C-alpha atoms as a PDB file:
ATOM      1  CA  MET A   1      76.004 103.624 126.284  1.00  0.00           C
ATOM      2  CA  PHE A   2      77.215 104.647 122.805  1.00  0.00           C
ATOM      3  CA  THR A   3      79.019 101.909 120.851  1.00  0.00           C
ATOM      4  CA  PRO A   4      80.630 103.255 117.687  1.00  0.00           C
ATOM      5  CA  ILE A   5      80.334 101.103 114.693  1.00  0.00           C
ATOM      6  CA  PRO A   6      82.552 102.573 111.951  1.00  0.00           C
ATOM      7  CA  ALA A   7      82.112 101.284 108.371  1.00  0.00           C
ATOM      8  CA  ASP A   8      84.273  98.176 107.637  1.00  0.00           C
ATOM      9  CA  THR A   9      86.885  99.443 105.212  1.00  0.00           C
ATOM     10  CA  THR A  10      89.506  96.796 105.905  1.00  0.00           C
ATOM     11  CA  ASN A  11      89.239  95.429 102.363  1.00  0.00           C
ATOM     12  CA  ILE A  12      89.901  98.814 100.759  1.00  0.00           C
ATOM     13  CA  LYS A  13      93.497  99.592  99.819  1.00  0.00           C
ATOM     14  CA  LEU A  14      94.685 103.104  98.851  1.00  0.00           C
ATOM     15  CA  ASP A  15      97.064 103.421  95.928  1.00  0.00           C
ATOM     16  CA  GLY A  16     100.124 105.605  96.053  1.00  0.00           C
ATOM     17  CA  LYS A  17      98.402 108.782  94.774  1.00  0.00           C
ATOM     18  CA  LEU A  18      95.670 108.488  97.391  1.00  0.00           C
ATOM     19  CA  THR A  19      98.293 107.879 100.041  1.00  0.00           C
ATOM     20  CA  GLU A  20      99.818 111.254  99.122  1.00  0.00           C
ATOM     21  CA  LEU A  21      96.400 112.801  99.297  1.00  0.00           C
ATOM     22  CA  THR A  22      95.960 111.296 102.769  1.00  0.00           C
ATOM     23  CA  GLU A  23      98.766 113.516 104.096  1.00  0.00           C
ATOM     24  CA  LEU A  24      97.229 116.679 102.522  1.00  0.00           C
ATOM     25  CA  ILE A  25      93.861 115.857 104.040  1.00  0.00           C
ATOM     26  CA  ALA A  26      95.445 115.042 107.459  1.00  0.00           C
ATOM     27  CA  GLU A  27      97.119 118.489 107.489  1.00  0.00           C
ATOM     28  CA  ASN A  28      93.844 120.092 106.577  1.00  0.00           C
ATOM     29  CA  VAL A  29      92.003 118.132 109.300  1.00  0.00           C
ATOM     30  CA  HIS A  30      94.500 119.531 111.801  1.00  0.00           C
ATOM     31  CA  ASN A  31      94.074 123.087 110.484  1.00  0.00           C
ATOM     32  CA  VAL A  32      90.283 122.881 110.672  1.00  0.00           C
ATOM     33  CA  TRP A  33      90.526 121.572 114.177  1.00  0.00           C
ATOM     34  CA  ALA A  34      93.044 124.290 115.187  1.00  0.00           C
ATOM     35  CA  ALA A  35      90.921 127.078 113.664  1.00  0.00           C
ATOM     36  CA  GLY A  36      87.901 125.828 115.590  1.00  0.00           C
ATOM     37  CA  ARG A  37      89.888 125.723 118.859  1.00  0.00           C
ATOM     38  CA  ILE A  38      91.223 129.247 118.353  1.00  0.00           C
ATOM     39  CA  LYS A  39      87.740 130.462 117.564  1.00  0.00           C
ATOM     40  CA  GLU A  40      86.595 128.970 120.880  1.00  0.00           C
ATOM     41  CA  GLY A  41      89.331 130.886 122.722  1.00  0.00           C
ATOM     42  CA  TRP A  42      92.000 128.149 123.010  1.00  0.00           C
ATOM     43  CA  VAL A  43      95.647 129.134 122.964  1.00  0.00           C
ATOM     44  CA  TYR A  44      98.943 127.295 122.782  1.00  0.00           C
ATOM     45  CA  GLY A  45     100.191 125.992 126.119  1.00  0.00           C
ATOM     46  CA  GLU A  46     102.765 123.431 127.201  1.00  0.00           C
ATOM     47  CA  GLN A  47     100.076 121.276 128.812  1.00  0.00           C
ATOM     48  CA  LYS A  48      96.481 120.618 127.770  1.00  0.00           C
ATOM     49  CA  ASP A  49      94.144 122.362 130.310  1.00  0.00           C
ATOM     50  CA  SER A  50      90.457 122.416 129.497  1.00  0.00           C
ATOM     51  CA  THR A  51      89.821 125.110 132.151  1.00  0.00           C
ATOM     52  CA  LYS A  52      92.535 127.457 130.886  1.00  0.00           C
ATOM     53  CA  LYS A  53      91.827 126.370 127.289  1.00  0.00           C
ATOM     54  CA  THR A  54      95.454 125.591 126.523  1.00  0.00           C
ATOM     55  CA  THR A  55      96.841 122.874 124.353  1.00  0.00           C
ATOM     56  CA  PRO A  56     100.324 121.966 123.010  1.00  0.00           C
ATOM     57  CA  CYS A  57      98.705 121.006 119.672  1.00  0.00           C
ATOM     58  CA  LEU A  58      98.043 124.541 118.479  1.00  0.00           C
ATOM     59  CA  VAL A  59     101.128 124.404 116.279  1.00  0.00           C
ATOM     60  CA  PRO A  60     101.551 123.937 112.515  1.00  0.00           C
ATOM     61  CA  TYR A  61     100.986 120.381 111.405  1.00  0.00           C
ATOM     62  CA  ASN A  62     104.624 119.730 110.608  1.00  0.00           C
ATOM     63  CA  GLU A  63     105.481 120.574 114.302  1.00  0.00           C
ATOM     64  CA  LEU A  64     102.988 118.071 115.760  1.00  0.00           C
ATOM     65  CA  PRO A  65     104.293 114.949 117.433  1.00  0.00           C
ATOM     66  CA  GLU A  66     104.109 111.942 115.198  1.00  0.00           C
ATOM     67  CA  SER A  67     101.341 110.474 117.424  1.00  0.00           C
ATOM     68  CA  GLU A  68      99.053 113.464 116.800  1.00  0.00           C
ATOM     69  CA  LYS A  69      99.811 113.346 113.039  1.00  0.00           C
ATOM     70  CA  GLU A  70      98.898 109.686 113.011  1.00  0.00           C
ATOM     71  CA  TYR A  71      95.456 110.567 114.560  1.00  0.00           C
ATOM     72  CA  ASP A  72      94.818 113.025 111.696  1.00  0.00           C
ATOM     73  CA  ARG A  73      96.141 110.550 109.060  1.00  0.00           C
ATOM     74  CA  ASN A  74      93.759 107.870 110.353  1.00  0.00           C
ATOM     75  CA  THR A  75      90.802 110.209 110.003  1.00  0.00           C
ATOM     76  CA  ALA A  76      91.908 111.095 106.440  1.00  0.00           C
ATOM     77  CA  THR A  77      92.622 107.487 105.467  1.00  0.00           C
ATOM     78  CA  GLU A  78      89.333 106.144 106.812  1.00  0.00           C
ATOM     79  CA  THR A  79      87.385 108.950 105.030  1.00  0.00           C
ATOM     80  CA  LEU A  80      89.005 108.099 101.711  1.00  0.00           C
ATOM     81  CA  LYS A  81      88.362 104.403 102.254  1.00  0.00           C
ATOM     82  CA  LEU A  82      84.711 105.079 103.064  1.00  0.00           C
ATOM     83  CA  ILE A  83      84.292 107.187  99.925  1.00  0.00           C
ATOM     84  CA  ILE A  84      85.693 104.369  97.796  1.00  0.00           C
ATOM     85  CA  SER A  85      83.736 101.638  99.593  1.00  0.00           C
ATOM     86  CA  LEU A  86      80.525 103.591  98.835  1.00  0.00           C
ATOM     87  CA  GLY A  87      81.377 103.321  95.133  1.00  0.00           C
ATOM     88  CA  TYR A  88      82.813 106.798  94.517  1.00  0.00           C
ATOM     89  CA  LYS A  89      85.978 107.226  92.459  1.00  0.00           C
ATOM     90  CA  ILE A  90      88.579 109.845  93.293  1.00  0.00           C
ATOM     91  CA  THR A  91      90.506 111.290  90.388  1.00  0.00           C
ATOM     92  CA  LYS A  92      92.758 114.244  89.880  1.00  0.00           C
ATOM     93  CA  GLU A  93      91.972 116.519  87.005  1.00  0.00           C
ATOM     94  CA  ASP A  94      95.517 116.530  85.573  1.00  0.00           C
ATOM     95  CA  ASP A  95      95.856 112.774  85.767  1.00  0.00           C
ATOM     96  CA  PRO A  96      95.941 111.005  82.388  1.00  0.00           C
ATOM     97  CA  ALA A  97      93.441 108.359  83.525  1.00  0.00           C
END
């Protein structure tokens, strides 16, 4: 049985600029997922049905229910925290750092 052991990033805090980046990454995570589903033949449908390949989540990010956005935000947040915990720094080119 697989027991996932994600990296412990509980001590990593994201500053305001990275929090803004989190939302942009979350939207892209959704778009990458949606593009993959569409490529696999999935279409929008009121109910998720793996046999018919329908899902209500094939909508633009801003139309997702908050619970689905939160899933994507968590992926984005944990990715950024992992990058920082591994010693990388994230900067924006036009930031006067």
